[in-house]
Amino acid sequence: MNLNHSSDVTEHAREFMLLKHAIKNIAETNGQLASFMALPLNNNAGNGCHIHVSVLDKNGANIFGNDEANLLSGIGGLMEILPESLAVCAPFANSYRRYSKEGWSPNSANWGRNHRLVSLRIPISGDKDKRVEHRIAGADVNPYLLCAAVLAGIHHGVKNGIDPGPESMEGQEPEPGIELPTRWREALQAFSGSEFFKDYFGEEFMEIYCRAKFAEEENFHLEVSDRDHGWCLRTV
């Protein structure tokens, strides 16, 4: 199943949520359970949410296809904010289990053309559909916040002409970019202290979102789990 392309970002996010609900309801009707957890099972690949984004000018022309400088600057902006945006891309404790060193999910800020191991990929395409594939988020993401964060990063990059740094060449190991904060509290601290997101998302939203998520993170670590029992109950 796939969703048709739409230039209405808000409507596209709504369709994303409807598709998830439809899949879960169809599964339940057939006695199954469909989950969009980022990593529902150990020793398996994670459940990601890659989004493809291009930007059209007022005449409907793709600014990435018309001028590659816009494309590279947009990637530069996304690269710069990746560490601060992870708390949006990975909103739950389970979200961070995708970012293991042995997994397929990127855990550092890098980019490349048609390179399937980097954070930001430029797929093979013509000028009309030239785009960036943002490969960080899990399927548990809020699509409205993800789209807002990605568009903010692109706007920041194009507006300020930000250099994305060295390209990771297809078929080679990805360039060692800035490490992402792949622990929940570290990601929340990076997001809550971000002047960039306070500017784009607004201070009121930032305060409410961060207060709620820090409380979730604290409660998660206060709960005694089966892993505590397995490691300690009989051995300590």
Protein backbone atom coordinates (compact mmCIF):
# COMPACT_ATOMS: atom_id res chain seq x y z
CA MET A 1 0.00 0.00 0.00
CA ASN A 2 1.15 3.52 -0.66
CA LEU A 3 -0.11 7.08 -0.36
CA ASN A 4 -0.34 9.33 -3.39
CA HIS A 5 1.90 12.37 -3.44
CA SER A 6 0.27 15.55 -2.15
CA SER A 7 1.52 19.13 -1.93
CA ASP A 8 -0.82 19.68 1.04
CA VAL A 9 1.47 18.66 3.90
CA THR A 10 -1.22 18.80 6.60
CA GLU A 11 -3.58 16.63 4.57
CA HIS A 12 -0.77 14.18 3.85
CA ALA A 13 -0.05 13.84 7.58
CA ARG A 14 -3.75 13.19 8.19
CA GLU A 15 -3.74 10.45 5.53
CA PHE A 16 -0.69 8.93 7.22
CA MET A 17 -2.63 8.64 10.49
CA LEU A 18 -5.74 7.28 8.74
CA LEU A 19 -3.66 4.62 6.97
CA LYS A 20 -2.18 3.45 10.28
CA HIS A 21 -5.63 3.24 11.88
CA ALA A 22 -7.00 1.36 8.86
CA ILE A 23 -4.18 -1.20 8.94
CA LYS A 24 -4.58 -1.74 12.69
CA ASN A 25 -8.37 -2.17 12.40
CA ILE A 26 -8.12 -4.57 9.45
CA ALA A 27 -5.57 -6.64 11.37
CA GLU A 28 -7.78 -6.72 14.47
CA THR A 29 -10.78 -7.81 12.38
CA ASN A 30 -8.72 -10.79 11.22
CA GLY A 31 -7.52 -11.74 14.70
CA GLN A 32 -4.09 -10.18 14.24
CA LEU A 33 -2.24 -7.22 15.74
CA ALA A 34 -0.53 -4.58 13.63
CA SER A 35 1.93 -2.37 15.48
CA PHE A 36 3.88 0.70 14.44
CA MET A 37 6.33 0.50 17.33
CA ALA A 38 9.82 1.51 16.26
CA LEU A 39 11.28 -1.85 17.32
CA PRO A 40 8.60 -4.34 18.40
CA LEU A 41 10.87 -7.40 18.35
CA ASN A 42 14.47 -8.00 19.41
CA ASN A 43 17.00 -9.05 16.76
CA ASN A 44 14.81 -7.72 13.94
CA ALA A 45 14.96 -4.66 11.70
CA GLY A 46 13.26 -1.56 13.03
CA ASN A 47 10.07 0.03 11.76
CA GLY A 48 10.99 3.33 10.12
CA CYS A 49 9.21 6.29 8.57
CA HIS A 50 11.20 7.68 5.66
CA ILE A 51 9.69 10.77 4.06
CA HIS A 52 10.52 12.23 0.66
CA VAL A 53 10.29 16.00 0.35
CA SER A 54 10.77 18.57 -2.38
CA VAL A 55 9.86 22.26 -2.38
CA LEU A 56 7.89 24.08 -5.07
CA ASP A 57 8.12 27.79 -5.84
CA LYS A 58 5.05 29.99 -6.41
CA ASN A 59 4.95 28.86 -10.04
CA GLY A 60 4.94 25.16 -9.11
CA ALA A 61 8.55 24.50 -10.13
CA ASN A 62 10.74 22.27 -7.97
CA ILE A 63 13.47 24.51 -6.50
CA PHE A 64 15.69 21.45 -5.95
CA GLY A 65 15.60 20.49 -9.63
CA ASN A 66 16.05 24.02 -10.95
CA ASP A 67 19.05 24.82 -8.77
CA GLU A 68 21.08 22.12 -7.03
CA ALA A 69 22.49 24.77 -4.69
CA ASN A 70 19.02 24.87 -3.09
CA LEU A 71 19.02 21.10 -2.69
CA LEU A 72 22.44 21.04 -1.02
CA SER A 73 21.62 24.01 1.21
CA GLY A 74 18.37 22.33 2.27
CA ILE A 75 20.34 19.22 3.21
CA GLY A 76 22.81 21.43 5.05
CA GLY A 77 20.00 22.87 7.15
CA LEU A 78 18.62 19.43 7.93
CA MET A 79 22.09 18.17 8.85
CA GLU A 80 22.58 21.06 11.26
CA ILE A 81 19.35 20.41 13.18
CA LEU A 82 19.37 16.58 13.16
CA PRO A 83 20.71 16.23 16.73
CA GLU A 84 18.12 18.71 18.04
CA SER A 85 15.26 17.13 16.08
CA LEU A 86 15.69 13.54 17.25
CA ALA A 87 13.25 14.00 20.16
CA VAL A 88 10.56 14.69 17.52
CA CYS A 89 11.65 11.86 15.20
CA ALA A 90 11.85 9.37 18.10
CA PRO A 91 9.12 10.28 20.63
CA PHE A 92 9.08 7.20 22.92
CA ALA A 93 11.48 5.05 24.93
CA ASN A 94 11.15 2.22 22.42
CA SER A 95 12.00 4.60 19.57
CA TYR A 96 15.67 4.61 20.56
CA ARG A 97 16.04 0.85 20.29
CA ARG A 98 16.20 1.27 16.49
CA TYR A 99 19.48 3.17 16.66
CA SER A 100 21.82 0.30 17.47
CA LYS A 101 25.27 0.21 15.87
CA GLU A 102 24.38 -3.09 14.19
CA GLY A 103 20.99 -1.91 12.88
CA TRP A 104 19.97 -0.36 9.59
CA SER A 105 18.86 2.94 11.10
CA PRO A 106 21.27 5.89 10.71
CA ASN A 107 22.74 7.16 13.98
CA SER A 108 24.87 10.05 12.73
CA ALA A 109 24.31 13.10 10.53
CA ASN A 110 25.46 12.35 6.97
CA TRP A 111 24.14 12.48 3.41
CA GLY A 112 24.69 11.00 -0.02
CA ARG A 113 23.23 10.33 -3.45
CA ASN A 114 21.35 7.04 -3.61
CA HIS A 115 23.19 5.87 -0.46
CA ARG A 116 20.87 3.73 1.66
CA LEU A 117 22.82 3.92 4.92
CA VAL A 118 22.89 7.70 5.41
CA SER A 119 20.51 9.98 7.30
CA LEU A 120 19.64 12.12 4.28
CA ARG A 121 19.55 10.54 0.83
CA ILE A 122 19.11 12.05 -2.62
CA PRO A 123 17.29 9.34 -4.63
CA ILE A 124 17.94 8.92 -8.34
CA SER A 125 15.42 11.15 -10.11
CA GLY A 126 14.87 13.79 -12.77
CA ASP A 127 14.73 17.52 -12.13
CA LYS A 128 10.95 17.50 -11.73
CA ASP A 129 10.96 15.04 -8.84
CA LYS A 130 14.38 15.84 -7.29
CA ARG A 131 13.97 15.42 -3.53
CA VAL A 132 15.51 14.60 -0.17
CA GLU A 133 14.71 11.36 1.63
CA HIS A 134 14.74 11.95 5.40
CA ARG A 135 15.56 8.53 6.93
CA ILE A 136 15.76 9.16 10.69
CA ALA A 137 12.23 8.86 12.09
CA GLY A 138 10.50 5.71 13.30
CA ALA A 139 6.98 4.65 12.35
CA ASP A 140 5.82 5.74 15.82
CA VAL A 141 6.44 9.39 14.90
CA ASN A 142 3.82 12.14 14.92
CA PRO A 143 3.69 12.96 11.18
CA TYR A 144 2.60 16.56 11.73
CA LEU A 145 5.63 17.31 13.90
CA LEU A 146 7.99 15.37 11.63
CA CYS A 147 6.90 17.28 8.52
CA ALA A 148 7.13 20.58 10.40
CA ALA A 149 10.66 19.79 11.60
CA VAL A 150 11.86 18.71 8.15
CA LEU A 151 10.41 21.75 6.39
CA ALA A 152 11.86 24.03 9.06
CA GLY A 153 15.31 22.52 8.53
CA ILE A 154 15.09 22.92 4.75
CA HIS A 155 13.89 26.51 5.06
CA HIS A 156 16.75 27.27 7.44
CA GLY A 157 19.29 25.72 5.08
CA VAL A 158 18.07 27.37 1.87
CA LYS A 159 17.61 30.75 3.54
CA ASN A 160 21.15 30.76 4.94
CA GLY A 161 22.97 28.78 2.22
CA ILE A 162 24.27 26.14 4.65
CA ASP A 163 27.00 23.80 3.39
CA PRO A 164 26.06 20.13 4.03
CA GLY A 165 29.70 19.03 4.29
CA PRO A 166 31.29 15.99 2.61
CA GLU A 167 29.09 13.61 0.64
CA SER A 168 28.98 9.88 1.42
CA MET A 169 29.62 8.16 -1.90
CA GLU A 170 27.39 5.28 -2.95
CA GLY A 171 28.97 1.88 -2.30
CA GLN A 172 31.30 3.24 0.38
CA GLU A 173 31.02 3.50 4.15
CA PRO A 174 29.03 6.59 5.17
CA GLU A 175 30.99 9.65 6.21
CA PRO A 176 31.35 9.84 10.02
CA GLY A 177 29.01 12.74 10.71
CA ILE A 178 27.92 14.28 13.99
CA GLU A 179 26.70 11.53 16.32
CA LEU A 180 23.01 11.75 17.11
CA PRO A 181 21.77 11.64 20.73
CA THR A 182 20.43 8.08 20.61
CA ARG A 183 19.36 8.00 24.26
CA TRP A 184 15.95 9.43 25.12
CA ARG A 185 17.03 11.91 27.82
CA GLU A 186 19.96 13.16 25.73
CA ALA A 187 17.63 13.76 22.79
CA LEU A 188 15.12 15.61 24.98
CA GLN A 189 17.85 17.79 26.43
CA ALA A 190 19.08 18.69 22.93
CA PHE A 191 15.54 19.53 21.79
CA SER A 192 14.53 21.47 24.89
CA GLY A 193 17.64 23.67 24.64
CA SER A 194 17.24 24.33 20.91
CA GLU A 195 16.92 28.00 20.04
CA PHE A 196 16.17 26.90 16.48
CA PHE A 197 13.02 24.99 17.44
CA LYS A 198 11.93 27.67 19.89
CA ASP A 199 11.98 30.04 16.92
CA TYR A 200 10.17 27.72 14.48
CA PHE A 201 7.81 25.83 16.83
CA GLY A 202 7.23 28.55 19.42
CA GLU A 203 8.21 28.64 23.08
CA GLU A 204 4.76 27.65 24.36
CA PHE A 205 4.71 24.43 22.34
CA MET A 206 8.30 23.63 23.33
CA GLU A 207 7.55 24.07 27.03
CA ILE A 208 4.44 21.85 26.97
CA TYR A 209 5.95 19.14 24.76
CA CYS A 210 9.21 18.93 26.71
CA ARG A 211 7.46 18.94 30.08
CA ALA A 212 5.27 16.01 28.99
CA LYS A 213 8.13 14.03 27.46
CA PHE A 214 10.54 14.54 30.36
CA ALA A 215 7.77 13.26 32.68
CA GLU A 216 7.29 10.19 30.46
CA GLU A 217 11.03 9.53 30.43
CA GLU A 218 11.24 9.86 34.22
CA ASN A 219 8.28 7.51 34.76
CA PHE A 220 9.75 4.98 32.34
CA HIS A 221 12.95 4.72 34.36
CA LEU A 222 11.10 4.54 37.68
CA GLU A 223 9.10 1.46 36.65
CA VAL A 224 10.38 -1.97 37.66
CA SER A 225 10.41 -4.10 34.50
CA ASP A 226 10.70 -7.79 33.63
CA ARG A 227 14.31 -7.10 32.67
CA ASP A 228 15.01 -5.98 36.25
CA HIS A 229 13.62 -9.27 37.50
CA GLY A 230 15.50 -11.31 34.90
CA TRP A 231 18.85 -9.70 35.71
CA CYS A 232 18.56 -9.16 39.45
CA LEU A 233 15.69 -10.91 41.23
CA ARG A 234 17.47 -14.22 41.80
CA THR A 235 21.08 -13.13 41.39
CA VAL A 236 21.43 -10.13 43.67
